[in-house]
Amino acid sequence: SQVNTTFVSSTNAGVTLSGTDVLVAAGTPAGTYTLTYQICEILNPSNCDTAIVTVTVSAASIIANDDTGTTVNGLTGGTAF
């Protein structure tokens, strides 16, 4: 409540700043990214400093489920799935 934070830059467009929260967009590739932001005092707006936060995004797990196809006539053929 005594400072404002402002987004400066990010090494990936999917990593952004909203207020004081660092947001990672869905679909952001796995990797390590940095976000630079500025913090300024509300009472003295020229009293500012920048900081860097490092965000590690892990790969999403792949879950493969078994499928059950339909019966196909061997004489006429068809598509089971």
PDB file of N, CA and C in Angstrom:
ATOM      1  N   SER A   1       0.810  -1.207   0.000  1.00  0.00           N
ATOM      2  CA  SER A   1       0.000   0.000   0.000  1.00  0.00           C
ATOM      3  C   SER A   1       0.847   1.263   0.000  1.00  0.00           C
ATOM      4  N   GLN A   2       2.190   1.107   0.160  1.00  0.00           N
ATOM      5  CA  GLN A   2       3.068   2.270   0.187  1.00  0.00           C
ATOM      6  C   GLN A   2       3.930   2.393  -1.063  1.00  0.00           C
ATOM      7  N   VAL A   3       3.801   1.399  -1.977  1.00  0.00           N
ATOM      8  CA  VAL A   3       4.601   1.419  -3.202  1.00  0.00           C
ATOM      9  C   VAL A   3       3.748   1.017  -4.399  1.00  0.00           C
ATOM     10  N   ASN A   4       4.223   1.395  -5.585  1.00  0.00           N
ATOM     11  CA  ASN A   4       3.643   0.943  -6.848  1.00  0.00           C
ATOM     12  C   ASN A   4       4.669   0.064  -7.553  1.00  0.00           C
ATOM     13  N   THR A   5       4.191  -1.005  -8.177  1.00  0.00           N
ATOM     14  CA  THR A   5       5.075  -1.830  -8.993  1.00  0.00           C
ATOM     15  C   THR A   5       4.687  -1.674 -10.448  1.00  0.00           C
ATOM     16  N   THR A   6       5.693  -1.649 -11.328  1.00  0.00           N
ATOM     17  CA  THR A   6       5.475  -1.461 -12.749  1.00  0.00           C
ATOM     18  C   THR A   6       6.308  -2.475 -13.522  1.00  0.00           C
ATOM     19  N   PHE A   7       5.682  -3.141 -14.484  1.00  0.00           N
ATOM     20  CA  PHE A   7       6.366  -4.077 -15.356  1.00  0.00           C
ATOM     21  C   PHE A   7       7.365  -3.328 -16.228  1.00  0.00           C
ATOM     22  N   VAL A   8       8.593  -3.863 -16.343  1.00  0.00           N
ATOM     23  CA  VAL A   8       9.607  -3.265 -17.209  1.00  0.00           C
ATOM     24  C   VAL A   8       9.860  -4.164 -18.417  1.00  0.00           C
ATOM     25  N   SER A   9      10.198  -5.443 -18.172  1.00  0.00           N
ATOM     26  CA  SER A   9      10.473  -6.350 -19.280  1.00  0.00           C
ATOM     27  C   SER A   9      10.461  -7.796 -18.795  1.00  0.00           C
ATOM     28  N   SER A  10      10.417  -8.715 -19.771  1.00  0.00           N
ATOM     29  CA  SER A  10      10.444 -10.141 -19.479  1.00  0.00           C
ATOM     30  C   SER A  10      11.163 -10.850 -20.613  1.00  0.00           C
ATOM     31  N   THR A  11      11.810 -11.970 -20.292  1.00  0.00           N
ATOM     32  CA  THR A  11      12.486 -12.738 -21.333  1.00  0.00           C
ATOM     33  C   THR A  11      11.531 -13.668 -22.066  1.00  0.00           C
ATOM     34  N   ASN A  12      10.254 -13.700 -21.654  1.00  0.00           N
ATOM     35  CA  ASN A  12       9.222 -14.466 -22.356  1.00  0.00           C
ATOM     36  C   ASN A  12       7.911 -13.703 -22.238  1.00  0.00           C
ATOM     37  N   ALA A  13       7.207 -13.550 -23.345  1.00  0.00           N
ATOM     38  CA  ALA A  13       5.950 -12.785 -23.347  1.00  0.00           C
ATOM     39  C   ALA A  13       4.880 -13.419 -22.455  1.00  0.00           C
ATOM     40  N   GLY A  14       5.016 -14.697 -22.123  1.00  0.00           N
ATOM     41  CA  GLY A  14       4.045 -15.371 -21.266  1.00  0.00           C
ATOM     42  C   GLY A  14       4.242 -15.100 -19.792  1.00  0.00           C
ATOM     43  N   VAL A  15       5.319 -14.435 -19.424  1.00  0.00           N
ATOM     44  CA  VAL A  15       5.608 -14.107 -18.021  1.00  0.00           C
ATOM     45  C   VAL A  15       5.407 -12.610 -17.846  1.00  0.00           C
ATOM     46  N   THR A  16       4.373 -12.239 -17.090  1.00  0.00           N
ATOM     47  CA  THR A  16       4.012 -10.827 -16.943  1.00  0.00           C
ATOM     48  C   THR A  16       3.779 -10.483 -15.474  1.00  0.00           C
ATOM     49  N   LEU A  17       3.518  -9.221 -15.224  1.00  0.00           N
ATOM     50  CA  LEU A  17       3.274  -8.715 -13.875  1.00  0.00           C
ATOM     51  C   LEU A  17       1.875  -8.132 -13.795  1.00  0.00           C
ATOM     52  N   SER A  18       1.152  -8.470 -12.729  1.00  0.00           N
ATOM     53  CA  SER A  18      -0.165  -7.897 -12.469  1.00  0.00           C
ATOM     54  C   SER A  18      -0.180  -7.474 -11.007  1.00  0.00           C
ATOM     55  N   GLY A  19      -0.071  -6.164 -10.776  1.00  0.00           N
ATOM     56  CA  GLY A  19       0.055  -5.684  -9.397  1.00  0.00           C
ATOM     57  C   GLY A  19       1.385  -6.163  -8.835  1.00  0.00           C
ATOM     58  N   THR A  20       1.324  -7.002  -7.807  1.00  0.00           N
ATOM     59  CA  THR A  20       2.548  -7.582  -7.246  1.00  0.00           C
ATOM     60  C   THR A  20       2.664  -9.067  -7.568  1.00  0.00           C
ATOM     61  N   ASP A  21       1.783  -9.576  -8.429  1.00  0.00           N
ATOM     62  CA  ASP A  21       1.791 -10.991  -8.799  1.00  0.00           C
ATOM     63  C   ASP A  21       2.503 -11.200 -10.125  1.00  0.00           C
ATOM     64  N   VAL A  22       3.354 -12.214 -10.179  1.00  0.00           N
ATOM     65  CA  VAL A  22       3.982 -12.620 -11.437  1.00  0.00           C
ATOM     66  C   VAL A  22       3.087 -13.696 -12.037  1.00  0.00           C
ATOM     67  N   LEU A  23       2.603 -13.472 -13.261  1.00  0.00           N
ATOM     68  CA  LEU A  23       1.688 -14.394 -13.921  1.00  0.00           C
ATOM     69  C   LEU A  23       2.411 -15.152 -15.023  1.00  0.00           C
ATOM     70  N   VAL A  24       2.121 -16.452 -15.110  1.00  0.00           N
ATOM     71  CA  VAL A  24       2.669 -17.284 -16.180  1.00  0.00           C
ATOM     72  C   VAL A  24       1.482 -17.771 -17.007  1.00  0.00           C
ATOM     73  N   ALA A  25       1.462 -17.429 -18.281  1.00  0.00           N
ATOM     74  CA  ALA A  25       0.352 -17.776 -19.167  1.00  0.00           C
ATOM     75  C   ALA A  25       0.378 -19.265 -19.501  1.00  0.00           C
ATOM     76  N   ALA A  26      -0.803 -19.814 -19.697  1.00  0.00           N
ATOM     77  CA  ALA A  26      -0.910 -21.200 -20.158  1.00  0.00           C
ATOM     78  C   ALA A  26      -0.187 -21.327 -21.490  1.00  0.00           C
ATOM     79  N   GLY A  27       0.502 -22.436 -21.689  1.00  0.00           N
ATOM     80  CA  GLY A  27       1.219 -22.658 -22.939  1.00  0.00           C
ATOM     81  C   GLY A  27       2.631 -22.094 -22.954  1.00  0.00           C
ATOM     82  N   THR A  28       3.079 -21.520 -21.840  1.00  0.00           N
ATOM     83  CA  THR A  28       4.449 -21.020 -21.770  1.00  0.00           C
ATOM     84  C   THR A  28       5.400 -22.215 -21.752  1.00  0.00           C
ATOM     85  N   PRO A  29       6.373 -22.280 -22.644  1.00  0.00           N
ATOM     86  CA  PRO A  29       7.289 -23.425 -22.689  1.00  0.00           C
ATOM     87  C   PRO A  29       8.107 -23.553 -21.404  1.00  0.00           C
ATOM     88  N   ALA A  30       8.491 -24.785 -21.091  1.00  0.00           N
ATOM     89  CA  ALA A  30       9.341 -25.018 -19.930  1.00  0.00           C
ATOM     90  C   ALA A  30      10.653 -24.257 -20.102  1.00  0.00           C
ATOM     91  N   GLY A  31      11.140 -23.714 -19.013  1.00  0.00           N
ATOM     92  CA  GLY A  31      12.399 -22.972 -19.057  1.00  0.00           C
ATOM     93  C   GLY A  31      12.514 -22.041 -17.868  1.00  0.00           C
ATOM     94  N   THR A  32      13.603 -21.319 -17.808  1.00  0.00           N
ATOM     95  CA  THR A  32      13.828 -20.342 -16.747  1.00  0.00           C
ATOM     96  C   THR A  32      13.805 -18.957 -17.381  1.00  0.00           C
ATOM     97  N   TYR A  33      12.958 -18.090 -16.835  1.00  0.00           N
ATOM     98  CA  TYR A  33      12.754 -16.762 -17.394  1.00  0.00           C
ATOM     99  C   TYR A  33      12.976 -15.704 -16.318  1.00  0.00           C
ATOM    100  N   THR A  34      13.304 -14.501 -16.756  1.00  0.00           N
ATOM    101  CA  THR A  34      13.435 -13.396 -15.814  1.00  0.00           C
ATOM    102  C   THR A  34      12.440 -12.300 -16.167  1.00  0.00           C
ATOM    103  N   LEU A  35      11.971 -11.638 -15.129  1.00  0.00           N
ATOM    104  CA  LEU A  35      11.046 -10.516 -15.276  1.00  0.00           C
ATOM    105  C   LEU A  35      11.644  -9.352 -14.499  1.00  0.00           C
ATOM    106  N   THR A  36      11.749  -8.208 -15.140  1.00  0.00           N
ATOM    107  CA  THR A  36      12.261  -7.006 -14.489  1.00  0.00           C
ATOM    108  C   THR A  36      11.087  -6.083 -14.194  1.00  0.00           C
ATOM    109  N   TYR A  37      11.055  -5.570 -12.973  1.00  0.00           N
ATOM    110  CA  TYR A  37       9.991  -4.639 -12.596  1.00  0.00           C
ATOM    111  C   TYR A  37      10.584  -3.477 -11.818  1.00  0.00           C
ATOM    112  N   GLN A  38       9.808  -2.394 -11.732  1.00  0.00           N
ATOM    113  CA  GLN A  38      10.231  -1.212 -10.993  1.00  0.00           C
ATOM    114  C   GLN A  38       9.300  -1.033  -9.803  1.00  0.00           C
ATOM    115  N   ILE A  39       9.862  -0.657  -8.682  1.00  0.00           N
ATOM    116  CA  ILE A  39       9.081  -0.373  -7.483  1.00  0.00           C
ATOM    117  C   ILE A  39       9.334   1.083  -7.107  1.00  0.00           C
ATOM    118  N   CYS A  40       8.236   1.844  -6.888  1.00  0.00           N
ATOM    119  CA  CYS A  40       8.349   3.269  -6.558  1.00  0.00           C
ATOM    120  C   CYS A  40       7.504   3.574  -5.324  1.00  0.00           C
ATOM    121  N   GLU A  41       8.027   4.406  -4.481  1.00  0.00           N
ATOM    122  CA  GLU A  41       7.316   4.843  -3.289  1.00  0.00           C
ATOM    123  C   GLU A  41       6.177   5.782  -3.698  1.00  0.00           C
ATOM    124  N   ILE A  42       4.990   5.575  -3.153  1.00  0.00           N
ATOM    125  CA  ILE A  42       3.835   6.413  -3.496  1.00  0.00           C
ATOM    126  C   ILE A  42       4.034   7.843  -2.988  1.00  0.00           C
ATOM    127  N   LEU A  43       4.529   7.987  -1.774  1.00  0.00           N
ATOM    128  CA  LEU A  43       4.712   9.314  -1.181  1.00  0.00           C
ATOM    129  C   LEU A  43       5.772  10.119  -1.912  1.00  0.00           C
ATOM    130  N   ASN A  44       6.824   9.474  -2.365  1.00  0.00           N
ATOM    131  CA  ASN A  44       7.916  10.122  -3.106  1.00  0.00           C
ATOM    132  C   ASN A  44       8.116   9.355  -4.411  1.00  0.00           C
ATOM    133  N   PRO A  45       7.316   9.641  -5.445  1.00  0.00           N
ATOM    134  CA  PRO A  45       7.318   8.850  -6.677  1.00  0.00           C
ATOM    135  C   PRO A  45       8.648   8.798  -7.419  1.00  0.00           C
ATOM    136  N   SER A  46       9.567   9.696  -7.124  1.00  0.00           N
ATOM    137  CA  SER A  46      10.877   9.636  -7.778  1.00  0.00           C
ATOM    138  C   SER A  46      11.825   8.683  -7.050  1.00  0.00           C
ATOM    139  N   ASN A  47      11.413   8.152  -5.914  1.00  0.00           N
ATOM    140  CA  ASN A  47      12.210   7.196  -5.146  1.00  0.00           C
ATOM    141  C   ASN A  47      11.887   5.795  -5.657  1.00  0.00           C
ATOM    142  N   CYS A  48      12.655   5.341  -6.664  1.00  0.00           N
ATOM    143  CA  CYS A  48      12.374   4.083  -7.354  1.00  0.00           C
ATOM    144  C   CYS A  48      13.605   3.194  -7.414  1.00  0.00           C
ATOM    145  N   ASP A  49      13.369   1.941  -7.622  1.00  0.00           N
ATOM    146  CA  ASP A  49      14.437   0.976  -7.856  1.00  0.00           C
ATOM    147  C   ASP A  49      13.872  -0.135  -8.722  1.00  0.00           C
ATOM    148  N   THR A  50      14.752  -0.844  -9.433  1.00  0.00           N
ATOM    149  CA  THR A  50      14.313  -1.977 -10.235  1.00  0.00           C
ATOM    150  C   THR A  50      14.776  -3.262  -9.570  1.00  0.00           C
ATOM    151  N   ALA A  51      14.068  -4.330  -9.869  1.00  0.00           N
ATOM    152  CA  ALA A  51      14.399  -5.649  -9.340  1.00  0.00           C
ATOM    153  C   ALA A  51      14.098  -6.689 -10.406  1.00  0.00           C
ATOM    154  N   ILE A  52      14.717  -7.840 -10.249  1.00  0.00           N
ATOM    155  CA  ILE A  52      14.525  -8.942 -11.192  1.00  0.00           C
ATOM    156  C   ILE A  52      14.039 -10.160 -10.415  1.00  0.00           C
ATOM    157  N   VAL A  53      13.013 -10.804 -10.956  1.00  0.00           N
ATOM    158  CA  VAL A  53      12.525 -12.057 -10.378  1.00  0.00           C
ATOM    159  C   VAL A  53      12.784 -13.156 -11.409  1.00  0.00           C
ATOM    160  N   THR A  54      13.212 -14.318 -10.930  1.00  0.00           N
ATOM    161  CA  THR A  54      13.462 -15.465 -11.800  1.00  0.00           C
ATOM    162  C   THR A  54      12.330 -16.466 -11.620  1.00  0.00           C
ATOM    163  N   VAL A  55      11.753 -16.905 -12.741  1.00  0.00           N
ATOM    164  CA  VAL A  55      10.627 -17.834 -12.724  1.00  0.00           C
ATOM    165  C   VAL A  55      11.029 -19.099 -13.481  1.00  0.00           C
ATOM    166  N   THR A  56      10.871 -20.250 -12.837  1.00  0.00           N
ATOM    167  CA  THR A  56      11.140 -21.533 -13.491  1.00  0.00           C
ATOM    168  C   THR A  56       9.811 -22.177 -13.844  1.00  0.00           C
ATOM    169  N   VAL A  57       9.620 -22.473 -15.118  1.00  0.00           N
ATOM    170  CA  VAL A  57       8.398 -23.106 -15.610  1.00  0.00           C
ATOM    171  C   VAL A  57       8.744 -24.554 -15.945  1.00  0.00           C
ATOM    172  N   SER A  58       8.002 -25.489 -15.357  1.00  0.00           N
ATOM    173  CA  SER A  58       8.262 -26.899 -15.629  1.00  0.00           C
ATOM    174  C   SER A  58       7.346 -27.399 -16.744  1.00  0.00           C
ATOM    175  N   ALA A  59       7.759 -28.481 -17.370  1.00  0.00           N
ATOM    176  CA  ALA A  59       6.963 -29.073 -18.455  1.00  0.00           C
ATOM    177  C   ALA A  59       5.714 -29.726 -17.869  1.00  0.00           C
ATOM    178  N   ALA A  60       4.625 -29.616 -18.583  1.00  0.00           N
ATOM    179  CA  ALA A  60       3.375 -30.248 -18.154  1.00  0.00           C
ATOM    180  C   ALA A  60       3.482 -31.765 -18.324  1.00  0.00           C
ATOM    181  N   SER A  61       2.868 -32.507 -17.415  1.00  0.00           N
ATOM    182  CA  SER A  61       2.854 -33.962 -17.526  1.00  0.00           C
ATOM    183  C   SER A  61       1.920 -34.394 -18.639  1.00  0.00           C
ATOM    184  N   ILE A  62       2.317 -35.438 -19.338  1.00  0.00           N
ATOM    185  CA  ILE A  62       1.459 -36.016 -20.369  1.00  0.00           C
ATOM    186  C   ILE A  62       0.796 -37.258 -19.772  1.00  0.00           C
ATOM    187  N   ILE A  63      -0.507 -37.315 -19.851  1.00  0.00           N
ATOM    188  CA  ILE A  63      -1.247 -38.461 -19.339  1.00  0.00           C
ATOM    189  C   ILE A  63      -1.902 -39.165 -20.523  1.00  0.00           C
ATOM    190  N   ALA A  64      -1.419 -40.352 -20.823  1.00  0.00           N
ATOM    191  CA  ALA A  64      -1.975 -41.137 -21.928  1.00  0.00           C
ATOM    192  C   ALA A  64      -2.964 -42.151 -21.364  1.00  0.00           C
ATOM    193  N   ASN A  65      -4.180 -42.114 -21.854  1.00  0.00           N
ATOM    194  CA  ASN A  65      -5.214 -43.058 -21.420  1.00  0.00           C
ATOM    195  C   ASN A  65      -5.477 -44.063 -22.540  1.00  0.00           C
ATOM    196  N   ASP A  66      -5.725 -45.310 -22.150  1.00  0.00           N
ATOM    197  CA  ASP A  66      -6.043 -46.340 -23.135  1.00  0.00           C
ATOM    198  C   ASP A  66      -7.383 -46.039 -23.790  1.00  0.00           C
ATOM    199  N   ASP A  67      -7.500 -46.406 -25.070  1.00  0.00           N
ATOM    200  CA  ASP A  67      -8.735 -46.232 -25.820  1.00  0.00           C
ATOM    201  C   ASP A  67      -9.324 -47.602 -26.126  1.00  0.00           C
ATOM    202  N   THR A  68     -10.637 -47.665 -26.254  1.00  0.00           N
ATOM    203  CA  THR A  68     -11.319 -48.884 -26.672  1.00  0.00           C
ATOM    204  C   THR A  68     -12.042 -48.581 -27.970  1.00  0.00           C
ATOM    205  N   GLY A  69     -11.668 -49.304 -29.016  1.00  0.00           N
ATOM    206  CA  GLY A  69     -12.273 -49.068 -30.323  1.00  0.00           C
ATOM    207  C   GLY A  69     -13.557 -49.854 -30.499  1.00  0.00           C
ATOM    208  N   THR A  70     -14.166 -49.680 -31.648  1.00  0.00           N
ATOM    209  CA  THR A  70     -15.378 -50.425 -31.992  1.00  0.00           C
ATOM    210  C   THR A  70     -15.000 -51.611 -32.873  1.00  0.00           C
ATOM    211  N   THR A  71     -15.835 -52.604 -32.888  1.00  0.00           N
ATOM    212  CA  THR A  71     -15.590 -53.789 -33.697  1.00  0.00           C
ATOM    213  C   THR A  71     -15.679 -53.455 -35.178  1.00  0.00           C
ATOM    214  N   VAL A  72     -14.732 -53.994 -35.953  1.00  0.00           N
ATOM    215  CA  VAL A  72     -14.688 -53.753 -37.394  1.00  0.00           C
ATOM    216  C   VAL A  72     -14.891 -55.092 -38.096  1.00  0.00           C
ATOM    217  N   ASN A  73     -15.763 -55.110 -39.099  1.00  0.00           N
ATOM    218  CA  ASN A  73     -16.014 -56.308 -39.897  1.00  0.00           C
ATOM    219  C   ASN A  73     -14.784 -56.580 -40.749  1.00  0.00           C
ATOM    220  N   GLY A  74     -14.202 -57.784 -40.606  1.00  0.00           N
ATOM    221  CA  GLY A  74     -12.992 -58.136 -41.325  1.00  0.00           C
ATOM    222  C   GLY A  74     -13.173 -58.204 -42.823  1.00  0.00           C
ATOM    223  N   LEU A  75     -14.384 -58.468 -43.288  1.00  0.00           N
ATOM    224  CA  LEU A  75     -14.633 -58.567 -44.724  1.00  0.00           C
ATOM    225  C   LEU A  75     -14.703 -57.186 -45.361  1.00  0.00           C
ATOM    226  N   THR A  76     -15.428 -56.280 -44.730  1.00  0.00           N
ATOM    227  CA  THR A  76     -15.644 -54.966 -45.340  1.00  0.00           C
ATOM    228  C   THR A  76     -14.658 -53.911 -44.832  1.00  0.00           C
ATOM    229  N   GLY A  77     -14.000 -54.172 -43.688  1.00  0.00           N
ATOM    230  CA  GLY A  77     -13.066 -53.209 -43.108  1.00  0.00           C
ATOM    231  C   GLY A  77     -13.798 -52.037 -42.479  1.00  0.00           C
ATOM    232  N   GLY A  78     -13.064 -51.056 -42.057  1.00  0.00           N
ATOM    233  CA  GLY A  78     -13.671 -49.881 -41.430  1.00  0.00           C
ATOM    234  C   GLY A  78     -12.674 -49.177 -40.529  1.00  0.00           C
ATOM    235  N   THR A  79     -13.170 -48.279 -39.735  1.00  0.00           N
ATOM    236  CA  THR A  79     -12.335 -47.517 -38.808  1.00  0.00           C
ATOM    237  C   THR A  79     -12.711 -47.905 -37.392  1.00  0.00           C
ATOM    238  N   ALA A  80     -11.721 -48.380 -36.636  1.00  0.00           N
ATOM    239  CA  ALA A  80     -11.976 -48.820 -35.261  1.00  0.00           C
ATOM    240  C   ALA A  80     -12.013 -47.641 -34.304  1.00  0.00           C
ATOM    241  N   PHE A  81     -11.294 -46.565 -34.638  1.00  0.00           N
ATOM    242  CA  PHE A  81     -11.257 -45.394 -33.755  1.00  0.00           C
ATOM    243  C   PHE A  81     -11.602 -44.158 -34.527  1.00  0.00           C
TER     244      PHE A  81
END
